[in-house]
C-alpha atoms as a PDB file:
ATOM      1  CA  UNK A   1      21.781 -26.645  -9.411  1.00  0.00           C
ATOM      2  CA  UNK A   2      20.259 -23.185  -9.652  1.00  0.00           C
ATOM      3  CA  UNK A   3      17.785 -22.456 -12.410  1.00  0.00           C
ATOM      4  CA  UNK A   4      18.142 -19.251 -14.369  1.00  0.00           C
ATOM      5  CA  UNK A   5      15.584 -16.642 -13.417  1.00  0.00           C
ATOM      6  CA  UNK A   6      14.099 -14.057 -15.708  1.00  0.00           C
ATOM      7  CA  UNK A   7      15.416 -10.496 -15.858  1.00  0.00           C
ATOM      8  CA  UNK A   8      12.182  -9.127 -17.319  1.00  0.00           C
ATOM      9  CA  UNK A   9      10.462  -6.947 -14.733  1.00  0.00           C
ATOM     10  CA  UNK A  10       7.213  -6.953 -16.739  1.00  0.00           C
ATOM     11  CA  UNK A  11       6.478 -10.560 -15.743  1.00  0.00           C
ATOM     12  CA  UNK A  12       5.943  -9.461 -12.129  1.00  0.00           C
ATOM     13  CA  UNK A  13       3.304  -6.868 -13.001  1.00  0.00           C
ATOM     14  CA  UNK A  14       0.218  -9.101 -12.611  1.00  0.00           C
ATOM     15  CA  UNK A  15       1.314 -10.049  -9.075  1.00  0.00           C
ATOM     16  CA  UNK A  16       2.148  -6.399  -8.274  1.00  0.00           C
ATOM     17  CA  UNK A  17      -1.277  -5.358  -9.551  1.00  0.00           C
ATOM     18  CA  UNK A  18      -2.918  -7.938  -7.281  1.00  0.00           C
ATOM     19  CA  UNK A  19      -0.963  -6.580  -4.274  1.00  0.00           C
ATOM     20  CA  UNK A  20      -2.035  -3.007  -4.993  1.00  0.00           C
ATOM     21  CA  UNK A  21      -5.660  -3.597  -5.935  1.00  0.00           C
ATOM     22  CA  UNK A  22      -8.535  -3.725  -3.504  1.00  0.00           C
ATOM     23  CA  UNK A  23     -10.903  -5.427  -5.904  1.00  0.00           C
ATOM     24  CA  UNK A  24     -12.346  -8.894  -5.524  1.00  0.00           C
ATOM     25  CA  UNK A  25     -10.848 -12.077  -6.968  1.00  0.00           C
ATOM     26  CA  UNK A  26     -12.531 -14.104  -9.707  1.00  0.00           C
ATOM     27  CA  UNK A  27     -14.459 -15.944  -6.963  1.00  0.00           C
ATOM     28  CA  UNK A  28     -15.776 -12.549  -5.770  1.00  0.00           C
ATOM     29  CA  UNK A  29     -13.811 -12.943  -2.543  1.00  0.00           C
ATOM     30  CA  UNK A  30     -11.980  -9.964  -1.106  1.00  0.00           C
ATOM     31  CA  UNK A  31      -8.221 -10.114  -1.528  1.00  0.00           C
ATOM     32  CA  UNK A  32      -6.811 -10.730   1.935  1.00  0.00           C
ATOM     33  CA  UNK A  33      -4.858  -7.885   3.469  1.00  0.00           C
ATOM     34  CA  UNK A  34      -5.337  -5.441   0.616  1.00  0.00           C
ATOM     35  CA  UNK A  35      -3.772  -2.015   1.271  1.00  0.00           C
ATOM     36  CA  UNK A  36      -7.091  -0.269   1.947  1.00  0.00           C
ATOM     37  CA  UNK A  37      -8.188  -2.749   4.601  1.00  0.00           C
ATOM     38  CA  UNK A  38      -4.732  -2.782   6.146  1.00  0.00           C
ATOM     39  CA  UNK A  39      -4.727   1.033   6.351  1.00  0.00           C
ATOM     40  CA  UNK A  40      -8.182   1.061   7.979  1.00  0.00           C
ATOM     41  CA  UNK A  41      -7.173  -1.590  10.521  1.00  0.00           C
ATOM     42  CA  UNK A  42      -3.930   0.139  11.485  1.00  0.00           C
ATOM     43  CA  UNK A  43      -5.613   3.538  11.669  1.00  0.00           C
ATOM     44  CA  UNK A  44      -8.430   2.204  13.870  1.00  0.00           C
ATOM     45  CA  UNK A  45      -5.927   0.778  16.343  1.00  0.00           C
ATOM     46  CA  UNK A  46      -3.779   3.918  16.383  1.00  0.00           C
ATOM     47  CA  UNK A  47      -6.582   6.446  16.796  1.00  0.00           C
ATOM     48  CA  UNK A  48      -7.281   5.098  20.274  1.00  0.00           C
ATOM     49  CA  UNK A  49      -3.761   6.218  21.250  1.00  0.00           C
ATOM     50  CA  UNK A  50      -3.110   9.267  19.059  1.00  0.00           C
ATOM     51  CA  UNK A  51      -4.960  12.128  17.344  1.00  0.00           C
ATOM     52  CA  UNK A  52      -6.186  11.658  13.756  1.00  0.00           C
ATOM     53  CA  UNK A  53      -3.231  13.451  12.173  1.00  0.00           C
ATOM     54  CA  UNK A  54      -0.617  11.335  13.949  1.00  0.00           C
ATOM     55  CA  UNK A  55      -2.614   8.126  13.452  1.00  0.00           C
ATOM     56  CA  UNK A  56      -2.956   8.832   9.732  1.00  0.00           C
ATOM     57  CA  UNK A  57       0.756   9.560   9.307  1.00  0.00           C
ATOM     58  CA  UNK A  58       1.850   6.415  11.153  1.00  0.00           C
ATOM     59  CA  UNK A  59      -0.726   4.174   9.430  1.00  0.00           C
ATOM     60  CA  UNK A  60       0.252   5.398   5.970  1.00  0.00           C
ATOM     61  CA  UNK A  61       3.958   4.905   6.715  1.00  0.00           C
ATOM     62  CA  UNK A  62       3.290   1.330   7.830  1.00  0.00           C
ATOM     63  CA  UNK A  63       1.269   0.576   4.696  1.00  0.00           C
ATOM     64  CA  UNK A  64       3.941   2.169   2.495  1.00  0.00           C
ATOM     65  CA  UNK A  65       6.628  -0.008   4.107  1.00  0.00           C
ATOM     66  CA  UNK A  66       4.465  -3.082   3.655  1.00  0.00           C
ATOM     67  CA  UNK A  67       3.857  -2.308  -0.041  1.00  0.00           C
ATOM     68  CA  UNK A  68       7.571  -1.767  -0.716  1.00  0.00           C
ATOM     69  CA  UNK A  69       8.390  -5.090   0.961  1.00  0.00           C
ATOM     70  CA  UNK A  70       5.686  -7.014  -0.935  1.00  0.00           C
ATOM     71  CA  UNK A  71       6.712  -5.515  -4.277  1.00  0.00           C
ATOM     72  CA  UNK A  72      10.381  -6.275  -3.589  1.00  0.00           C
ATOM     73  CA  UNK A  73       9.472  -9.860  -2.675  1.00  0.00           C
ATOM     74  CA  UNK A  74       7.795 -10.349  -6.068  1.00  0.00           C
ATOM     75  CA  UNK A  75      10.802  -9.070  -7.981  1.00  0.00           C
ATOM     76  CA  UNK A  76      13.333 -10.888  -5.788  1.00  0.00           C
ATOM     77  CA  UNK A  77      11.473 -14.157  -6.450  1.00  0.00           C
ATOM     78  CA  UNK A  78      12.202 -13.563 -10.149  1.00  0.00           C
ATOM     79  CA  UNK A  79      15.873 -12.771  -9.523  1.00  0.00           C
ATOM     80  CA  UNK A  80      15.448  -9.059 -10.234  1.00  0.00           C
ATOM     81  CA  UNK A  81      17.129  -6.519  -7.983  1.00  0.00           C
ATOM     82  CA  UNK A  82      15.573  -3.053  -7.735  1.00  0.00           C
ATOM     83  CA  UNK A  83      16.792  -0.476  -5.241  1.00  0.00           C
ATOM     84  CA  UNK A  84      14.174   0.282  -2.574  1.00  0.00           C
ATOM     85  CA  UNK A  85      14.352   4.004  -3.314  1.00  0.00           C
ATOM     86  CA  UNK A  86      12.810   3.491  -6.759  1.00  0.00           C
ATOM     87  CA  UNK A  87       9.860   1.558  -5.400  1.00  0.00           C
ATOM     88  CA  UNK A  88       9.511   3.957  -2.450  1.00  0.00           C
ATOM     89  CA  UNK A  89       9.090   6.919  -4.823  1.00  0.00           C
ATOM     90  CA  UNK A  90       6.271   5.155  -6.665  1.00  0.00           C
ATOM     91  CA  UNK A  91       4.543   3.969  -3.475  1.00  0.00           C
ATOM     92  CA  UNK A  92       4.816   7.420  -1.903  1.00  0.00           C
ATOM     93  CA  UNK A  93       3.250   9.005  -4.987  1.00  0.00           C
ATOM     94  CA  UNK A  94       0.444   6.420  -4.948  1.00  0.00           C
ATOM     95  CA  UNK A  95      -0.344   7.101  -1.299  1.00  0.00           C
ATOM     96  CA  UNK A  96      -0.058  10.890  -1.204  1.00  0.00           C
ATOM     97  CA  UNK A  97      -3.839  11.459  -1.194  1.00  0.00           C
ATOM     98  CA  UNK A  98      -6.446  10.311   1.274  1.00  0.00           C
ATOM     99  CA  UNK A  99     -10.228  10.255   1.460  1.00  0.00           C
ATOM    100  CA  UNK A 100     -11.630  11.969   4.542  1.00  0.00           C
ATOM    101  CA  UNK A 101     -13.924   9.539   6.361  1.00  0.00           C
ATOM    102  CA  UNK A 102     -15.027  11.694   9.295  1.00  0.00           C
ATOM    103  CA  UNK A 103     -14.909  15.333  10.302  1.00  0.00           C
ATOM    104  CA  UNK A 104     -11.839  16.025  12.376  1.00  0.00           C
ATOM    105  CA  UNK A 105      -9.398  18.762  13.220  1.00  0.00           C
ATOM    106  CA  UNK A 106      -9.205  20.271   9.730  1.00  0.00           C
ATOM    107  CA  UNK A 107     -11.869  22.112   7.747  1.00  0.00           C
ATOM    108  CA  UNK A 108     -12.812  19.406   5.205  1.00  0.00           C
ATOM    109  CA  UNK A 109     -15.932  17.356   4.759  1.00  0.00           C
ATOM    110  CA  UNK A 110     -16.164  13.566   4.790  1.00  0.00           C
ATOM    111  CA  UNK A 111     -15.677  12.142   1.288  1.00  0.00           C
ATOM    112  CA  UNK A 112     -13.225  14.841   0.187  1.00  0.00           C
ATOM    113  CA  UNK A 113      -9.862  13.762  -1.221  1.00  0.00           C
ATOM    114  CA  UNK A 114      -6.883  15.728   0.048  1.00  0.00           C
ATOM    115  CA  UNK A 115      -3.121  15.570  -0.361  1.00  0.00           C
ATOM    116  CA  UNK A 116      -1.122  14.673   2.687  1.00  0.00           C
END
């Protein structure tokens, strides 16, 4: 017997918000594997092998893929089907700017926000 699942995509928004946020939980604990930490970890590993530009591009692509998968998992658990391309557009728009952490190959200062 299969229970009927909701077709209201709004019900998944609190879980989606939790996936996307880097804030602390109600217990003041960091949310495990938030996108910011994941990006920093991937970038740190990649920059030992590649230059900053390549490391940044690869790290952001990996985080984007992870976000799309996590968001799809939330909606699939509710029986809602959304084409990946729709979520990819939103995720790409959300991740099209970065904060410069250290001086590198381009003429920007640490702390500046630039578009990729």
